[in-house]
Each structure stands twice: as structure tokens, then as C-alpha cells.
Protein backbone atom coordinates (compact mmCIF):
# COMPACT_ATOMS: atom_id res chain seq x y z
CA MET A 1 -12.81 4.02 18.34
CA LEU A 2 -14.14 1.96 15.42
CA LEU A 3 -14.90 5.06 13.32
CA SER A 4 -11.42 6.41 14.02
CA ARG A 5 -9.88 3.10 12.99
CA ARG A 6 -11.94 3.02 9.77
CA ARG A 7 -10.89 6.55 8.87
CA ALA A 8 -7.23 5.75 9.49
CA LEU A 9 -7.53 2.55 7.46
CA VAL A 10 -8.95 4.28 4.39
CA THR A 11 -6.35 7.05 4.77
CA ALA A 12 -3.69 4.35 4.71
CA LEU A 13 -5.14 2.81 1.56
CA ALA A 14 -5.10 6.14 -0.25
CA THR A 15 -1.61 7.01 0.99
CA PHE A 16 -0.27 3.70 -0.32
CA ALA A 17 -1.81 4.40 -3.70
CA THR A 18 -0.82 8.04 -4.15
CA GLY A 19 2.29 8.54 -2.04
CA ALA A 20 5.78 8.60 -3.51
CA ALA A 21 7.66 5.42 -2.72
CA ARG A 22 11.31 5.35 -1.74
CA ALA A 23 13.52 4.74 -4.75
CA ALA A 24 15.11 1.30 -4.65
CA THR A 25 18.05 -0.18 -6.52
CA PRO A 26 16.48 -1.58 -9.69
CA LEU A 27 16.91 -5.20 -10.68
CA GLU A 28 15.54 -6.69 -13.85
CA ALA A 29 12.08 -8.17 -13.40
CA GLN A 30 10.30 -10.29 -15.97
CA GLY A 31 6.60 -9.69 -16.53
CA GLY A 32 4.06 -12.21 -17.64
CA GLN A 33 0.36 -13.00 -17.86
CA TYR A 34 -1.58 -15.95 -16.58
CA ALA A 35 -5.23 -16.98 -16.56
CA GLY A 36 -7.07 -16.34 -13.32
CA PHE A 37 -9.51 -18.92 -11.98
CA ASP A 38 -12.10 -17.83 -14.59
CA GLY A 39 -9.70 -17.17 -17.46
CA ALA A 40 -9.27 -13.43 -16.77
CA GLN A 41 -5.85 -12.23 -17.92
CA LEU A 42 -3.87 -11.32 -14.83
CA PHE A 43 -0.33 -9.94 -14.64
CA TYR A 44 2.67 -10.82 -12.52
CA ARG A 45 6.33 -9.91 -12.23
CA ARG A 46 9.10 -12.37 -11.43
CA MET A 47 12.68 -11.75 -10.37
CA GLY A 48 15.50 -13.93 -9.05
CA ALA A 49 16.33 -17.59 -9.35
CA GLY A 50 15.96 -19.08 -5.86
CA PRO A 51 13.05 -20.59 -3.92
CA PRO A 52 9.90 -18.58 -4.72
CA VAL A 53 8.18 -16.10 -2.44
CA ILE A 54 4.74 -14.97 -3.60
CA LEU A 55 4.21 -11.29 -2.74
CA LEU A 56 0.59 -10.19 -2.27
CA HIS A 57 -0.01 -6.44 -2.20
CA SER A 58 -2.62 -4.33 -0.40
CA PHE A 59 -5.86 -2.90 -1.79
CA LEU A 60 -5.44 0.09 -4.18
CA ASN A 61 -1.85 -0.97 -4.77
CA ASP A 62 0.11 -3.17 -7.19
CA GLY A 63 3.32 -5.13 -7.42
CA PRO A 64 5.71 -2.29 -8.33
CA ARG A 65 4.41 0.16 -5.72
CA ALA A 66 4.28 -2.36 -2.90
CA TRP A 67 7.35 -4.50 -3.46
CA PHE A 68 9.81 -3.15 -6.04
CA ASN A 69 9.69 0.59 -5.32
CA THR A 70 10.08 -0.08 -1.60
CA GLY A 71 13.06 -2.43 -2.00
CA VAL A 72 11.35 -5.44 -0.42
CA ALA A 73 11.61 -7.55 -3.57
CA GLN A 74 15.29 -6.66 -4.04
CA THR A 75 16.11 -7.62 -0.45
CA LEU A 76 14.49 -11.03 -0.89
CA VAL A 77 16.30 -11.65 -4.17
CA GLY A 78 19.57 -10.60 -2.55
CA ALA A 79 18.94 -13.19 0.17
CA GLY A 80 18.69 -15.95 -2.44
CA PHE A 81 14.95 -16.08 -3.12
CA SER A 82 13.02 -15.48 -6.30
CA VAL A 83 9.91 -13.32 -6.01
CA VAL A 84 6.59 -13.62 -7.81
CA ALA A 85 4.51 -10.46 -7.47
CA PRO A 86 1.05 -10.60 -9.07
CA ASP A 87 -1.15 -7.58 -9.60
CA ALA A 88 -4.44 -8.57 -8.00
CA ARG A 89 -7.59 -8.67 -10.12
CA ALA A 90 -8.77 -5.12 -10.89
CA HIS A 91 -5.37 -3.70 -9.88
CA GLY A 92 -2.25 -2.69 -11.79
CA LEU A 93 -1.97 -4.37 -15.19
CA SER A 94 -4.41 -7.17 -14.37
CA ALA A 95 -7.84 -7.39 -15.95
CA ALA A 96 -10.95 -6.07 -14.22
CA PRO A 97 -13.75 -8.17 -15.71
CA PRO A 98 -17.38 -7.34 -14.93
CA GLY A 99 -18.68 -8.74 -11.65
CA PRO A 100 -20.01 -10.21 -9.59
CA TYR A 101 -16.99 -12.20 -8.40
CA PRO A 102 -17.32 -15.33 -6.29
CA LYS A 103 -16.28 -15.38 -2.67
CA ASP A 104 -12.52 -15.91 -2.19
CA VAL A 105 -11.80 -14.75 -5.76
CA GLN A 106 -8.40 -13.33 -4.81
CA ALA A 107 -7.28 -16.61 -3.22
CA MET A 108 -8.61 -18.53 -6.21
CA ASP A 109 -6.59 -16.31 -8.56
CA VAL A 110 -3.40 -16.95 -6.60
CA GLU A 111 -4.12 -20.69 -6.65
CA ALA A 112 -4.35 -20.36 -10.45
CA LEU A 113 -0.98 -18.57 -10.48
CA ILE A 114 0.63 -21.36 -8.45
CA ARG A 115 -0.71 -23.91 -10.94
CA ALA A 116 0.34 -21.85 -13.97
CA LEU A 117 3.91 -21.49 -12.72
CA LYS A 118 3.98 -25.12 -11.52
CA LEU A 119 5.30 -24.11 -8.11
CA LYS A 120 5.97 -27.22 -6.05
CA SER A 121 6.83 -25.22 -2.94
CA TYR A 122 6.68 -21.54 -2.06
CA CYS A 123 6.55 -19.01 0.76
CA LEU A 124 4.03 -16.19 1.17
CA LEU A 125 4.39 -12.53 2.11
CA GLY A 126 1.16 -10.53 2.18
CA TYR A 127 0.37 -6.99 3.25
CA ALA A 128 -3.10 -5.92 4.52
CA ASN A 129 -5.46 -7.15 1.77
CA GLY A 130 -2.62 -9.39 0.61
CA ALA A 131 -2.26 -10.80 4.12
CA ARG A 132 -5.96 -11.69 4.13
CA THR A 133 -5.51 -13.39 0.77
CA ALA A 134 -2.58 -15.37 2.19
CA VAL A 135 -4.70 -16.47 5.15
CA ARG A 136 -7.52 -17.53 2.84
CA LEU A 137 -5.06 -19.53 0.72
CA MET A 138 -3.96 -21.43 3.82
CA ALA A 139 -7.52 -21.85 5.12
CA ARG A 140 -8.46 -23.32 1.72
CA GLY A 141 -5.70 -25.91 1.98
CA GLY A 142 -2.61 -24.13 0.64
CA ARG A 143 0.59 -25.28 2.29
CA PRO A 144 3.34 -22.66 1.95
CA GLU A 145 6.64 -23.47 3.59
CA ARG A 146 6.52 -20.29 5.67
CA CYS A 147 4.41 -17.14 5.71
CA VAL A 148 4.73 -13.48 6.70
CA LEU A 149 1.52 -11.56 7.33
CA ALA A 150 1.99 -7.80 7.60
CA GLY A 151 -0.19 -4.73 8.03
CA THR A 152 -3.06 -6.72 9.51
CA GLY A 153 -4.63 -7.83 12.76
CA VAL A 154 -7.43 -9.90 14.21
CA VAL A 155 -10.26 -7.68 12.89
CA GLY A 156 -8.85 -7.56 9.38
CA VAL A 157 -8.84 -11.35 9.20
CA THR A 158 -11.87 -12.41 11.26
CA ASP A 159 -14.28 -9.53 10.45
CA ILE A 160 -13.27 -8.24 7.03
CA GLU A 161 -16.85 -7.56 5.91
CA ARG A 162 -17.08 -4.73 8.43
CA LEU A 163 -13.89 -3.07 7.18
CA ALA A 164 -14.75 -3.62 3.52
CA ALA A 165 -18.09 -1.85 3.91
CA THR A 166 -16.35 1.41 4.81
CA THR A 167 -14.09 1.29 1.77
CA ILE A 168 -17.01 0.47 -0.52
CA GLU A 169 -18.86 3.53 0.77
CA THR A 170 -15.93 5.84 0.00
CA ILE A 171 -15.59 4.42 -3.53
CA ARG A 172 -19.27 4.92 -4.25
CA THR A 173 -19.82 8.37 -2.76
CA GLY A 174 -16.47 10.18 -2.88
CA ARG A 175 -16.79 13.67 -1.43
CA ASN A 176 -20.31 12.77 -0.26
CA ALA A 177 -18.98 10.00 1.99
CA ARG A 178 -19.36 10.24 5.75
CA ASP A 179 -15.76 11.48 5.72
CA PRO A 180 -15.51 13.60 2.54
CA ARG A 181 -11.72 13.92 2.80
CA LEU A 182 -11.29 10.17 2.70
CA GLY A 183 -13.76 9.81 -0.14
CA VAL A 184 -11.82 12.32 -2.22
CA MET A 185 -8.51 10.59 -1.44
CA VAL A 186 -9.76 7.15 -2.43
CA GLN A 187 -11.37 8.37 -5.63
CA SER A 188 -8.20 10.30 -6.49
CA ALA A 189 -6.16 7.13 -6.05
CA ILE A 190 -8.53 5.26 -8.34
CA ARG A 191 -8.27 7.94 -11.02
CA LEU A 192 -4.48 8.12 -10.71
CA GLN A 193 -4.15 4.38 -11.36
CA LYS A 194 -7.01 4.27 -13.89
CA LEU A 195 -8.80 1.55 -11.93
CA LYS A 196 -12.43 0.50 -12.38
CA PRO A 197 -14.51 1.36 -9.30
CA ALA A 198 -17.18 -1.27 -9.99
CA ALA A 199 -14.56 -4.03 -10.21
CA LEU A 200 -12.88 -2.84 -7.00
CA ILE A 201 -16.22 -3.02 -5.20
CA TRP A 202 -16.74 -6.59 -6.42
CA VAL A 203 -13.26 -7.47 -5.11
CA LEU A 204 -14.18 -6.08 -1.70
CA LYS A 205 -17.52 -7.90 -1.69
CA SER A 206 -15.73 -11.17 -2.48
CA GLN A 207 -13.63 -11.06 0.69
CA VAL A 208 -14.28 -13.71 3.29
CA SER A 209 -13.60 -13.61 7.01
CA THR A 210 -11.59 -16.49 8.44
CA THR A 211 -12.99 -18.05 11.58
CA ARG A 212 -10.96 -18.63 14.71
CA ALA A 213 -11.42 -22.37 14.23
CA GLU A 214 -9.99 -22.11 10.70
CA LEU A 215 -7.02 -20.10 11.95
CA ALA A 216 -6.28 -22.76 14.56
CA GLN A 217 -6.03 -25.35 11.78
CA ILE A 218 -3.33 -23.43 9.87
CA ARG A 219 -0.03 -25.19 10.57
CA THR A 220 2.31 -23.05 8.44
CA PRO A 221 4.96 -21.25 10.54
CA THR A 222 3.75 -17.65 10.35
CA LEU A 223 5.26 -14.34 11.42
CA ILE A 224 2.99 -11.33 11.94
CA LEU A 225 5.20 -8.34 11.05
CA ASN A 226 3.56 -4.98 11.80
CA GLY A 227 4.68 -1.43 12.32
CA MET A 228 4.97 -0.36 15.94
CA LYS A 229 2.12 2.10 15.41
CA ASP A 230 -0.04 -0.20 13.30
CA ASP A 231 -3.17 -1.62 14.93
CA LEU A 232 -5.52 -0.37 12.22
CA GLU A 233 -6.92 -3.82 11.52
CA GLY A 234 -7.12 -4.84 15.14
CA SER A 235 -4.59 -6.50 17.40
CA PRO A 236 -1.79 -8.33 15.56
CA ALA A 237 -0.89 -10.05 18.84
CA GLN A 238 -4.38 -11.57 19.06
CA LEU A 239 -4.08 -12.76 15.47
CA ALA A 240 -0.73 -14.40 16.17
CA GLY A 241 -2.25 -16.10 19.20
CA LEU A 242 -5.04 -17.65 17.13
CA LEU A 243 -2.57 -19.37 14.80
CA ALA A 244 -1.23 -22.80 15.65
CA ASP A 245 2.34 -21.66 14.93
CA GLY A 246 2.42 -17.87 14.92
CA ALA A 247 4.35 -15.04 16.53
CA LEU A 248 4.45 -11.24 16.35
CA MET A 249 7.28 -8.81 15.68
CA ARG A 250 7.08 -5.03 15.48
CA VAL A 251 9.25 -2.75 13.36
CA PRO A 252 9.47 1.05 13.17
CA GLY A 253 6.62 2.69 11.27
CA ASP A 254 2.87 2.65 10.89
CA HIS A 255 0.43 1.10 8.43
CA PHE A 256 1.54 3.18 5.45
CA SER A 257 5.21 3.83 6.19
CA VAL A 258 6.56 0.44 7.19
CA LEU A 259 7.20 -1.20 3.80
CA PRO A 260 10.15 1.06 2.83
CA GLU A 261 11.66 0.53 6.30
CA PRO A 262 14.81 -1.59 5.65
CA ARG A 263 14.32 -3.62 8.82
CA PHE A 264 10.93 -4.80 7.56
CA ALA A 265 12.38 -6.43 4.44
CA GLN A 266 15.36 -7.82 6.33
CA LEU A 267 13.27 -9.46 9.06
CA ALA A 268 10.84 -10.88 6.51
CA SER A 269 13.75 -12.33 4.55
CA ASP A 270 15.47 -13.71 7.64
CA PHE A 271 12.28 -15.39 8.84
CA LEU A 272 11.56 -16.99 5.47
CA LYS A 273 15.13 -18.34 5.37
CA SER A 274 14.98 -19.60 8.94
CA HIS A 275 13.99 -23.09 10.03
CA GLU A 276 13.19 -21.97 13.57
CA PRO A 277 9.62 -21.89 14.88
CA PRO A 278 8.24 -18.35 14.86
CA THR A 279 8.43 -17.91 18.63
CA ARG A 280 12.11 -18.92 18.69
CA PHE A 281 12.87 -16.70 15.72
CA VAL A 282 11.29 -13.69 17.43
CA ALA A 283 13.16 -14.37 20.66
CA ALA A 284 16.50 -14.65 18.87
CA ALA A 285 15.88 -11.56 16.76
CA ALA A 286 15.11 -9.54 19.88
CA LEU A 287 18.53 -10.27 21.42
């Protein structure tokens, strides 16, 4: 079961990176650079004029592929939010400085973004790797108004080292990986986006699991929003149950098809606008 889950997870990563995204109605986005925690030049895109939602993409992805090409960013802006979509370190237009990177580097970079943009309040929406980064931000003391975690589950948050090891192996060995097909797919995605394999490995090695005790201390109202066929990172229901104020909703799709699903963006937007506790929001949305 674990091997099957790992294979499906890496397939999902490669599909995100190489698959054609659904065309979305374009809106003008402003790009900018900011200094990461160590001064590395990182890139972000910003659109809209309302309360900010920070969008954190998955591994082997970037802001445009994850949020703008799928229409998620446009839906949030249409609902009255502004969006801030950084390209994670070693992804997209952001720098990929030589490693090693310290533990929690991705959360530290987002903390630097929040300081650079002088955000007094914000919401979070993270997918897969981005969801883990959002959890680490909150575990480190970040206090978003509300949060949506998507494409993740209890294993992806509480035992990330085990999942990261599989992806590292495919990056290093390619067609010589335990699953050659997956190795070829991942390396093809890296070549397509002109990413630096060594930097990607350091990003994966920097990831930190969040303990159940830490999850219980997170007070931010949080919605777990997963595809109906997405348990690749473990049970999302178990993850929701470990949070002090969490609930789960499912939408049509699986790990690599859910983002372009219009209901995903709409539910995420509705939850972030709502003042209801997650459990009440889920109950009302199900009616």
C-alpha cells in the first residue's frame, strides 16, 4: 500500500508539472521580487485589491501553473480578495541558491514575504507541499485569519520525511529509480521548467514533520479541501481531526485534477470569506 501511494504521489507531482492546465480568464497580475530569509531573490505575483490570500503551490510547480492557469486566483479576486502567489525557492522564477538549506526554509521564506509586504493580516491557501508550508507557518507562530489546506493528509504533514525520500530518489536516479517510469517523468518535469535538481533536493531535505501536539495548538479555522479520490498523503479526515478547529470537505477530482475544478476555487473562496467555524461551514455547504 505504501509503495503504491508513493508511486501515485510522484506521478501526481510530475503530472502537475508537465500537464496542460485549463485556460482561465486572464487578469493582470503584478510581479515582484523580495529577499528570502537569507537574502535569496525570490519572486511573487500579486493581483487584486482586497484582503490578501497567500497562495502556496505544490512541489515541481509554480504560481502561474498552480493558481492562475487553473482559475483559482481569478475566483478569489472576483470574490473581493487580493492574492499573493510566491514561487517557492528553487521553483519558477525564484532563485535556487546552493544548499544546504536550514530546516523549515520554505516557511521562513514565506515569513520574509509577509514582512516584506507588511501584511498585517492574511489568509492562507496551500496545496500539497504548499499545505505543509502553511502548517509549518502556523506551527511556528503564524496567525492567519483562516486557512485552506488542500491535496494533503495526515502522513503528508506528520511524516513528510518518508514521502520526501521517495521524491529525492527519483530526482537522483531518473530511469534507474525503483520505478523507472516515475524517475523519467520527474526528471522530464525538471528539464521542462529548467529547475536545479540539487536545489530541489535541498528543499525536500529541509521539510519538517509537524507533531500531533503541534497540530493541536493551531487555533486558526482551517478547512481541509481534497479531491474525492485523493488520499495520496494519508487521510485528510485524520488531519482535520488533529486540528483544534478543522473540518474536511471533498470535491470532484483526484490529487492532480482538482485545482481546475470550479467547485474547488468556489468553496475555498467561500470558506475564506465566511466567519463560521469550519464544522458549521461544511454542514451548511453540504445542504
